[in-house]
Amino acid sequence: MELYLRPARRRDVAVCAALYNADPAFLLHHLGRDKVDEGFVEEELEEMDRAGFARLLIAETPGGPPVALADLRGGEEAYLSLLLVDKAAQGRGLGRRCAALLEQRLRAEGSRRIRIDVVDDHAGTPLPFWHRLGYRGNERVTLTWGDKTSSALVLRKEL
């Protein structure tokens, strides 16, 4: 089943906020709060844009509602800052398909590697998911996002 990528626009702020808010546990573990508003999403879009990241929305049909979002910056070593799959759509291989789509895009753009920092200081960490996809690493970093500082494992994969 094919997935469709498109850049997020200012008009997508409410959709992005809904994707974030569909998973309060994710927000608590990463941001230190269980809900975000549209103002938060607008600030995130501006900050990521200044840092050279693209916010991408992923849908299952052309023009369909987004079921995931990703913050991605290309380059020789691309950086996937965020892959957030709608909580209601999880458990049916969508995360794996989204990751594969992003990797395909990066390969086509000339990236040789991809990096993701995985917050792993909580139960239910997505670390096993990324390991199943071939990501490996042992470098640790400290990330601050919103009101939360977290420990994260830096993972990389050759493309």
N, C-alpha and C. Protein backbone atom coordinates (compact mmCIF):
# COMPACT_ATOMS: atom_id res chain seq x y z
N MET A 1 0.85 -1.19 0.00
CA MET A 1 0.00 0.00 0.00
C MET A 1 0.89 1.24 0.00
N GLU A 2 0.68 2.10 -0.95
CA GLU A 2 1.51 3.28 -1.12
C GLU A 2 1.15 4.37 -0.11
N LEU A 3 2.15 5.16 0.25
CA LEU A 3 1.96 6.32 1.10
C LEU A 3 2.31 7.56 0.32
N TYR A 4 1.77 8.69 0.73
CA TYR A 4 1.95 9.95 0.03
C TYR A 4 2.49 11.01 0.97
N LEU A 5 3.58 11.65 0.55
CA LEU A 5 4.23 12.71 1.31
C LEU A 5 3.86 14.06 0.75
N ARG A 6 3.71 15.02 1.64
CA ARG A 6 3.57 16.41 1.20
C ARG A 6 4.09 17.31 2.30
N PRO A 7 4.57 18.48 1.91
CA PRO A 7 5.04 19.41 2.94
C PRO A 7 3.87 19.95 3.75
N ALA A 8 4.10 20.14 5.04
CA ALA A 8 3.09 20.77 5.90
C ALA A 8 3.10 22.27 5.62
N ARG A 9 1.94 22.84 5.66
CA ARG A 9 1.79 24.28 5.46
C ARG A 9 1.13 24.89 6.70
N ARG A 10 1.10 26.18 6.75
CA ARG A 10 0.48 26.86 7.90
C ARG A 10 -0.96 26.42 8.10
N ARG A 11 -1.65 26.12 7.02
CA ARG A 11 -3.05 25.70 7.14
C ARG A 11 -3.18 24.32 7.79
N ASP A 12 -2.05 23.60 7.96
CA ASP A 12 -2.06 22.25 8.53
C ASP A 12 -1.80 22.25 10.04
N VAL A 13 -1.75 23.41 10.64
CA VAL A 13 -1.41 23.50 12.06
C VAL A 13 -2.38 22.68 12.91
N ALA A 14 -3.66 22.78 12.65
CA ALA A 14 -4.65 22.04 13.45
C ALA A 14 -4.49 20.54 13.27
N VAL A 15 -4.21 20.10 12.06
CA VAL A 15 -3.99 18.67 11.79
C VAL A 15 -2.76 18.18 12.55
N CYS A 16 -1.68 18.96 12.52
CA CYS A 16 -0.46 18.59 13.24
C CYS A 16 -0.72 18.52 14.75
N ALA A 17 -1.45 19.49 15.26
CA ALA A 17 -1.77 19.48 16.69
C ALA A 17 -2.58 18.24 17.06
N ALA A 18 -3.52 17.86 16.20
CA ALA A 18 -4.33 16.66 16.46
C ALA A 18 -3.46 15.41 16.46
N LEU A 19 -2.49 15.32 15.56
CA LEU A 19 -1.59 14.17 15.55
C LEU A 19 -0.77 14.10 16.84
N TYR A 20 -0.24 15.24 17.26
CA TYR A 20 0.49 15.28 18.53
C TYR A 20 -0.43 14.85 19.68
N ASN A 21 -1.61 15.44 19.76
CA ASN A 21 -2.50 15.24 20.89
C ASN A 21 -3.13 13.85 20.93
N ALA A 22 -3.04 13.10 19.84
CA ALA A 22 -3.58 11.74 19.82
C ALA A 22 -2.78 10.80 20.71
N ASP A 23 -1.58 11.22 21.12
CA ASP A 23 -0.72 10.37 21.95
C ASP A 23 -0.19 11.15 23.15
N PRO A 24 -1.03 11.32 24.18
CA PRO A 24 -0.61 12.09 25.36
C PRO A 24 0.63 11.51 26.05
N ALA A 25 0.80 10.18 26.02
CA ALA A 25 1.98 9.58 26.66
C ALA A 25 3.25 10.02 25.94
N PHE A 26 3.22 10.06 24.60
CA PHE A 26 4.37 10.55 23.84
C PHE A 26 4.71 11.98 24.28
N LEU A 27 3.70 12.82 24.36
CA LEU A 27 3.92 14.21 24.74
C LEU A 27 4.53 14.32 26.14
N LEU A 28 4.00 13.54 27.08
CA LEU A 28 4.54 13.58 28.44
C LEU A 28 6.00 13.16 28.47
N HIS A 29 6.34 12.09 27.76
CA HIS A 29 7.72 11.59 27.76
C HIS A 29 8.69 12.51 27.04
N HIS A 30 8.20 13.26 26.05
CA HIS A 30 9.09 14.07 25.23
C HIS A 30 9.02 15.57 25.53
N LEU A 31 7.84 16.05 25.91
CA LEU A 31 7.64 17.48 26.13
C LEU A 31 7.37 17.87 27.57
N GLY A 32 6.97 16.90 28.38
CA GLY A 32 6.63 17.20 29.76
C GLY A 32 5.23 17.75 29.93
N ARG A 33 4.40 17.57 28.91
CA ARG A 33 2.99 17.96 28.99
C ARG A 33 2.17 16.99 28.16
N ASP A 34 0.86 16.94 28.40
CA ASP A 34 0.05 15.93 27.71
C ASP A 34 -0.79 16.48 26.56
N LYS A 35 -0.58 17.75 26.24
CA LYS A 35 -1.36 18.36 25.16
C LYS A 35 -0.60 19.57 24.62
N VAL A 36 -0.77 19.82 23.32
CA VAL A 36 -0.22 21.03 22.71
C VAL A 36 -1.35 21.79 22.03
N ASP A 37 -1.13 23.07 21.81
CA ASP A 37 -2.11 23.86 21.09
C ASP A 37 -1.54 24.28 19.73
N GLU A 38 -2.33 24.94 18.96
CA GLU A 38 -1.89 25.35 17.62
C GLU A 38 -0.73 26.34 17.67
N GLY A 39 -0.67 27.16 18.71
CA GLY A 39 0.45 28.09 18.86
C GLY A 39 1.77 27.34 19.02
N PHE A 40 1.74 26.26 19.79
CA PHE A 40 2.94 25.43 19.94
C PHE A 40 3.38 24.89 18.58
N VAL A 41 2.43 24.37 17.80
CA VAL A 41 2.76 23.79 16.50
C VAL A 41 3.32 24.87 15.57
N GLU A 42 2.73 26.05 15.57
CA GLU A 42 3.24 27.13 14.73
C GLU A 42 4.69 27.47 15.10
N GLU A 43 4.97 27.56 16.40
CA GLU A 43 6.34 27.84 16.83
C GLU A 43 7.30 26.72 16.42
N GLU A 44 6.85 25.47 16.52
CA GLU A 44 7.67 24.33 16.11
C GLU A 44 7.97 24.39 14.61
N LEU A 45 6.97 24.71 13.82
CA LEU A 45 7.17 24.81 12.36
C LEU A 45 8.21 25.88 12.05
N GLU A 46 8.11 27.02 12.70
CA GLU A 46 9.06 28.11 12.45
C GLU A 46 10.47 27.73 12.91
N GLU A 47 10.57 27.11 14.09
CA GLU A 47 11.88 26.72 14.62
C GLU A 47 12.53 25.65 13.73
N MET A 48 11.76 24.67 13.31
CA MET A 48 12.31 23.61 12.46
C MET A 48 12.71 24.17 11.09
N ASP A 49 11.93 25.10 10.58
CA ASP A 49 12.27 25.73 9.31
C ASP A 49 13.60 26.48 9.42
N ARG A 50 13.79 27.23 10.50
CA ARG A 50 15.05 27.95 10.71
C ARG A 50 16.24 26.99 10.82
N ALA A 51 16.00 25.79 11.33
CA ALA A 51 17.07 24.80 11.50
C ALA A 51 17.26 23.95 10.25
N GLY A 52 16.53 24.26 9.18
CA GLY A 52 16.71 23.55 7.92
C GLY A 52 15.92 22.27 7.78
N PHE A 53 14.94 22.05 8.65
CA PHE A 53 14.11 20.85 8.59
C PHE A 53 12.85 21.11 7.79
N ALA A 54 12.37 20.06 7.15
CA ALA A 54 11.07 20.10 6.48
C ALA A 54 10.09 19.33 7.34
N ARG A 55 8.91 19.89 7.56
CA ARG A 55 7.83 19.15 8.21
C ARG A 55 7.02 18.53 7.09
N LEU A 56 6.95 17.21 7.12
CA LEU A 56 6.24 16.46 6.09
C LEU A 56 5.04 15.76 6.69
N LEU A 57 3.96 15.74 5.94
CA LEU A 57 2.77 15.00 6.34
C LEU A 57 2.66 13.77 5.45
N ILE A 58 2.22 12.68 6.02
CA ILE A 58 2.11 11.41 5.31
C ILE A 58 0.67 10.95 5.36
N ALA A 59 0.13 10.64 4.18
CA ALA A 59 -1.25 10.17 4.06
C ALA A 59 -1.27 8.82 3.34
N GLU A 60 -2.36 8.11 3.51
CA GLU A 60 -2.50 6.80 2.87
C GLU A 60 -3.15 6.89 1.50
N THR A 61 -3.74 8.03 1.20
CA THR A 61 -4.34 8.25 -0.12
C THR A 61 -3.95 9.64 -0.60
N PRO A 62 -3.88 9.85 -1.91
CA PRO A 62 -3.55 11.20 -2.40
C PRO A 62 -4.58 12.21 -1.89
N GLY A 63 -4.11 13.24 -1.24
CA GLY A 63 -5.01 14.27 -0.72
C GLY A 63 -5.78 13.85 0.52
N GLY A 64 -5.50 12.64 1.01
CA GLY A 64 -6.21 12.14 2.19
C GLY A 64 -5.70 12.76 3.47
N PRO A 65 -6.37 12.46 4.56
CA PRO A 65 -5.96 13.04 5.84
C PRO A 65 -4.61 12.47 6.28
N PRO A 66 -3.75 13.29 6.82
CA PRO A 66 -2.45 12.80 7.29
C PRO A 66 -2.62 11.80 8.43
N VAL A 67 -1.81 10.74 8.37
CA VAL A 67 -1.79 9.74 9.43
C VAL A 67 -0.45 9.75 10.16
N ALA A 68 0.47 10.59 9.69
CA ALA A 68 1.78 10.71 10.33
C ALA A 68 2.40 12.03 9.93
N LEU A 69 3.37 12.45 10.74
CA LEU A 69 4.17 13.62 10.39
C LEU A 69 5.62 13.33 10.69
N ALA A 70 6.49 14.00 9.96
CA ALA A 70 7.92 13.81 10.14
C ALA A 70 8.63 15.15 9.99
N ASP A 71 9.66 15.34 10.80
CA ASP A 71 10.56 16.48 10.65
C ASP A 71 11.88 15.92 10.16
N LEU A 72 12.31 16.36 8.98
CA LEU A 72 13.43 15.74 8.29
C LEU A 72 14.34 16.80 7.69
N ARG A 73 15.64 16.59 7.87
CA ARG A 73 16.63 17.44 7.23
C ARG A 73 17.57 16.55 6.43
N GLY A 74 17.72 16.85 5.14
CA GLY A 74 18.58 16.05 4.28
C GLY A 74 20.04 16.39 4.48
N GLY A 75 20.85 15.87 3.59
CA GLY A 75 22.30 16.05 3.66
C GLY A 75 22.95 14.70 3.60
N GLU A 76 24.29 14.69 3.57
CA GLU A 76 24.99 13.40 3.52
C GLU A 76 24.54 12.51 4.67
N GLU A 77 24.51 13.10 5.89
CA GLU A 77 23.88 12.41 7.01
C GLU A 77 22.58 13.14 7.30
N ALA A 78 21.49 12.56 6.86
CA ALA A 78 20.18 13.15 7.09
C ALA A 78 19.82 12.99 8.56
N TYR A 79 18.90 13.82 9.01
CA TYR A 79 18.48 13.78 10.41
C TYR A 79 16.96 13.73 10.46
N LEU A 80 16.45 12.64 10.99
CA LEU A 80 15.02 12.49 11.22
C LEU A 80 14.78 12.90 12.67
N SER A 81 14.29 14.11 12.84
CA SER A 81 14.08 14.65 14.18
C SER A 81 12.83 14.08 14.82
N LEU A 82 11.83 13.77 14.00
CA LEU A 82 10.56 13.29 14.55
C LEU A 82 9.83 12.48 13.49
N LEU A 83 9.34 11.33 13.90
CA LEU A 83 8.36 10.58 13.12
C LEU A 83 7.25 10.25 14.09
N LEU A 84 6.09 10.83 13.87
CA LEU A 84 4.94 10.66 14.75
C LEU A 84 3.80 10.07 13.95
N VAL A 85 3.43 8.84 14.29
CA VAL A 85 2.33 8.15 13.61
C VAL A 85 1.10 8.29 14.49
N ASP A 86 -0.03 8.62 13.88
CA ASP A 86 -1.28 8.77 14.61
C ASP A 86 -1.51 7.54 15.48
N LYS A 87 -1.76 7.75 16.75
CA LYS A 87 -1.94 6.66 17.70
C LYS A 87 -3.02 5.68 17.22
N ALA A 88 -4.08 6.19 16.62
CA ALA A 88 -5.17 5.34 16.15
C ALA A 88 -4.76 4.47 14.97
N ALA A 89 -3.71 4.84 14.25
CA ALA A 89 -3.27 4.09 13.07
C ALA A 89 -2.11 3.14 13.36
N GLN A 90 -1.65 3.13 14.62
CA GLN A 90 -0.50 2.29 14.96
C GLN A 90 -0.91 0.82 15.04
N GLY A 91 0.11 -0.04 14.91
CA GLY A 91 -0.12 -1.47 15.06
C GLY A 91 -0.45 -2.20 13.77
N ARG A 92 -0.31 -1.53 12.63
CA ARG A 92 -0.59 -2.19 11.36
C ARG A 92 0.51 -1.96 10.32
N GLY A 93 1.72 -1.70 10.83
CA GLY A 93 2.87 -1.56 9.95
C GLY A 93 3.08 -0.20 9.34
N LEU A 94 2.28 0.78 9.76
CA LEU A 94 2.37 2.11 9.17
C LEU A 94 3.70 2.79 9.51
N GLY A 95 4.19 2.64 10.74
CA GLY A 95 5.46 3.25 11.12
C GLY A 95 6.61 2.74 10.26
N ARG A 96 6.64 1.45 10.04
CA ARG A 96 7.67 0.84 9.19
C ARG A 96 7.57 1.36 7.77
N ARG A 97 6.37 1.47 7.26
CA ARG A 97 6.16 1.98 5.89
C ARG A 97 6.54 3.45 5.78
N CYS A 98 6.23 4.24 6.81
CA CYS A 98 6.62 5.66 6.81
C CYS A 98 8.13 5.80 6.82
N ALA A 99 8.81 5.03 7.67
CA ALA A 99 10.27 5.09 7.74
C ALA A 99 10.87 4.72 6.38
N ALA A 100 10.34 3.67 5.75
CA ALA A 100 10.85 3.24 4.44
C ALA A 100 10.65 4.34 3.39
N LEU A 101 9.51 5.01 3.43
CA LEU A 101 9.24 6.09 2.48
C LEU A 101 10.22 7.24 2.67
N LEU A 102 10.49 7.60 3.92
CA LEU A 102 11.43 8.69 4.20
C LEU A 102 12.85 8.30 3.77
N GLU A 103 13.23 7.05 4.04
CA GLU A 103 14.55 6.58 3.61
C GLU A 103 14.67 6.62 2.08
N GLN A 104 13.62 6.21 1.40
CA GLN A 104 13.62 6.23 -0.08
C GLN A 104 13.81 7.66 -0.58
N ARG A 105 13.10 8.58 0.01
CA ARG A 105 13.22 9.99 -0.39
C ARG A 105 14.66 10.49 -0.17
N LEU A 106 15.22 10.17 0.98
CA LEU A 106 16.57 10.62 1.29
C LEU A 106 17.61 10.02 0.34
N ARG A 107 17.46 8.74 0.02
CA ARG A 107 18.37 8.12 -0.95
C ARG A 107 18.31 8.86 -2.28
N ALA A 108 17.10 9.15 -2.73
CA ALA A 108 16.91 9.84 -4.00
C ALA A 108 17.53 11.24 -3.98
N GLU A 109 17.60 11.85 -2.81
CA GLU A 109 18.19 13.18 -2.66
C GLU A 109 19.70 13.12 -2.43
N GLY A 110 20.27 11.91 -2.33
CA GLY A 110 21.71 11.76 -2.19
C GLY A 110 22.23 11.55 -0.79
N SER A 111 21.34 11.39 0.19
CA SER A 111 21.81 11.12 1.56
C SER A 111 22.42 9.73 1.61
N ARG A 112 23.45 9.61 2.44
CA ARG A 112 24.15 8.32 2.57
C ARG A 112 23.82 7.61 3.89
N ARG A 113 23.40 8.38 4.87
CA ARG A 113 23.11 7.86 6.20
C ARG A 113 21.93 8.64 6.76
N ILE A 114 21.29 8.05 7.74
CA ILE A 114 20.22 8.76 8.45
C ILE A 114 20.45 8.60 9.95
N ARG A 115 20.18 9.67 10.66
CA ARG A 115 20.33 9.70 12.12
C ARG A 115 18.98 9.99 12.74
N ILE A 116 18.75 9.34 13.87
CA ILE A 116 17.58 9.65 14.69
C ILE A 116 18.01 9.53 16.15
N ASP A 117 17.56 10.46 16.97
CA ASP A 117 17.83 10.43 18.41
C ASP A 117 16.57 9.90 19.09
N VAL A 118 16.70 8.76 19.74
CA VAL A 118 15.53 8.09 20.34
C VAL A 118 15.55 8.28 21.85
N VAL A 119 14.52 8.94 22.35
CA VAL A 119 14.35 9.09 23.79
C VAL A 119 14.00 7.71 24.33
N ASP A 120 14.85 7.20 25.21
CA ASP A 120 14.67 5.82 25.68
C ASP A 120 14.67 5.71 27.20
N ASP A 121 14.33 6.80 27.86
CA ASP A 121 14.35 6.81 29.33
C ASP A 121 12.97 6.58 29.93
N HIS A 122 12.13 5.83 29.22
CA HIS A 122 10.78 5.55 29.71
C HIS A 122 10.31 4.19 29.20
N ALA A 123 9.32 3.64 29.87
CA ALA A 123 8.71 2.38 29.42
C ALA A 123 8.01 2.64 28.09
N GLY A 124 8.02 1.67 27.22
CA GLY A 124 7.35 1.82 25.93
C GLY A 124 8.18 2.57 24.91
N THR A 125 9.48 2.71 25.15
CA THR A 125 10.37 3.39 24.20
C THR A 125 10.28 2.74 22.81
N PRO A 126 10.39 3.54 21.76
CA PRO A 126 10.35 2.96 20.40
C PRO A 126 11.69 2.36 19.95
N LEU A 127 12.63 2.26 20.85
CA LEU A 127 13.95 1.73 20.49
C LEU A 127 13.88 0.37 19.79
N PRO A 128 13.10 -0.59 20.26
CA PRO A 128 13.02 -1.88 19.54
C PRO A 128 12.51 -1.73 18.10
N PHE A 129 11.60 -0.81 17.88
CA PHE A 129 11.10 -0.54 16.52
C PHE A 129 12.25 -0.13 15.61
N TRP A 130 13.06 0.84 16.04
CA TRP A 130 14.16 1.34 15.22
C TRP A 130 15.24 0.27 15.03
N HIS A 131 15.48 -0.54 16.06
CA HIS A 131 16.45 -1.63 15.90
C HIS A 131 15.98 -2.63 14.85
N ARG A 132 14.69 -2.96 14.84
CA ARG A 132 14.15 -3.88 13.83
C ARG A 132 14.34 -3.33 12.42
N LEU A 133 14.40 -2.01 12.28
CA LEU A 133 14.58 -1.39 10.96
C LEU A 133 16.05 -1.24 10.59
N GLY A 134 16.95 -1.72 11.45
CA GLY A 134 18.37 -1.70 11.12
C GLY A 134 19.15 -0.52 11.66
N TYR A 135 18.57 0.28 12.51
CA TYR A 135 19.27 1.42 13.11
C TYR A 135 20.09 0.94 14.30
N ARG A 136 21.32 1.45 14.41
CA ARG A 136 22.22 1.05 15.48
C ARG A 136 22.96 2.27 16.01
N GLY A 137 23.39 2.17 17.27
CA GLY A 137 24.20 3.23 17.83
C GLY A 137 24.47 3.02 19.30
N ASN A 138 25.43 3.78 19.83
CA ASN A 138 25.71 3.71 21.26
C ASN A 138 26.06 5.08 21.84
N GLU A 139 25.98 6.11 21.03
CA GLU A 139 26.24 7.48 21.50
C GLU A 139 25.00 8.01 22.22
N ARG A 140 25.21 8.71 23.32
CA ARG A 140 24.10 9.28 24.08
C ARG A 140 24.14 10.79 23.99
N VAL A 141 22.97 11.40 23.97
CA VAL A 141 22.83 12.84 23.99
C VAL A 141 21.72 13.21 24.96
N THR A 142 21.72 14.47 25.34
CA THR A 142 20.64 15.02 26.16
C THR A 142 19.85 15.97 25.28
N LEU A 143 18.55 15.78 25.23
CA LEU A 143 17.66 16.62 24.42
C LEU A 143 16.72 17.39 25.32
N THR A 144 16.49 18.64 24.98
CA THR A 144 15.48 19.43 25.67
C THR A 144 14.46 19.86 24.65
N TRP A 145 13.20 19.53 24.93
CA TRP A 145 12.09 19.89 24.05
C TRP A 145 10.95 20.31 24.94
N GLY A 146 10.46 21.50 24.73
CA GLY A 146 9.41 22.01 25.60
C GLY A 146 9.93 22.13 27.01
N ASP A 147 9.22 21.54 27.95
CA ASP A 147 9.57 21.62 29.37
C ASP A 147 10.35 20.40 29.85
N LYS A 148 10.80 19.55 28.93
CA LYS A 148 11.39 18.27 29.32
C LYS A 148 12.79 18.10 28.77
N THR A 149 13.69 17.65 29.63
CA THR A 149 15.03 17.25 29.21
C THR A 149 15.09 15.73 29.34
N SER A 150 15.53 15.08 28.27
CA SER A 150 15.53 13.62 28.21
C SER A 150 16.88 13.10 27.75
N SER A 151 17.14 11.88 28.13
CA SER A 151 18.29 11.15 27.62
C SER A 151 17.86 10.45 26.34
N ALA A 152 18.74 10.45 25.34
CA ALA A 152 18.39 9.81 24.07
C ALA A 152 19.60 9.05 23.55
N LEU A 153 19.30 7.99 22.81
CA LEU A 153 20.32 7.20 22.15
C LEU A 153 20.35 7.62 20.68
N VAL A 154 21.54 7.95 20.18
CA VAL A 154 21.72 8.35 18.78
C VAL A 154 21.84 7.07 17.96
N LEU A 155 20.95 6.91 17.01
CA LEU A 155 20.96 5.75 16.11
C LEU A 155 21.25 6.22 14.69
N ARG A 156 21.95 5.38 13.95
CA ARG A 156 22.24 5.69 12.54
C ARG A 156 21.99 4.45 11.70
N LYS A 157 21.72 4.72 10.44
CA LYS A 157 21.54 3.63 9.46
C LYS A 157 22.15 4.09 8.15
N GLU A 158 22.93 3.21 7.54
CA GLU A 158 23.45 3.48 6.21
C GLU A 158 22.33 3.32 5.20
N LEU A 159 22.24 4.26 4.29
CA LEU A 159 21.22 4.18 3.26
C LEU A 159 21.81 3.59 1.99
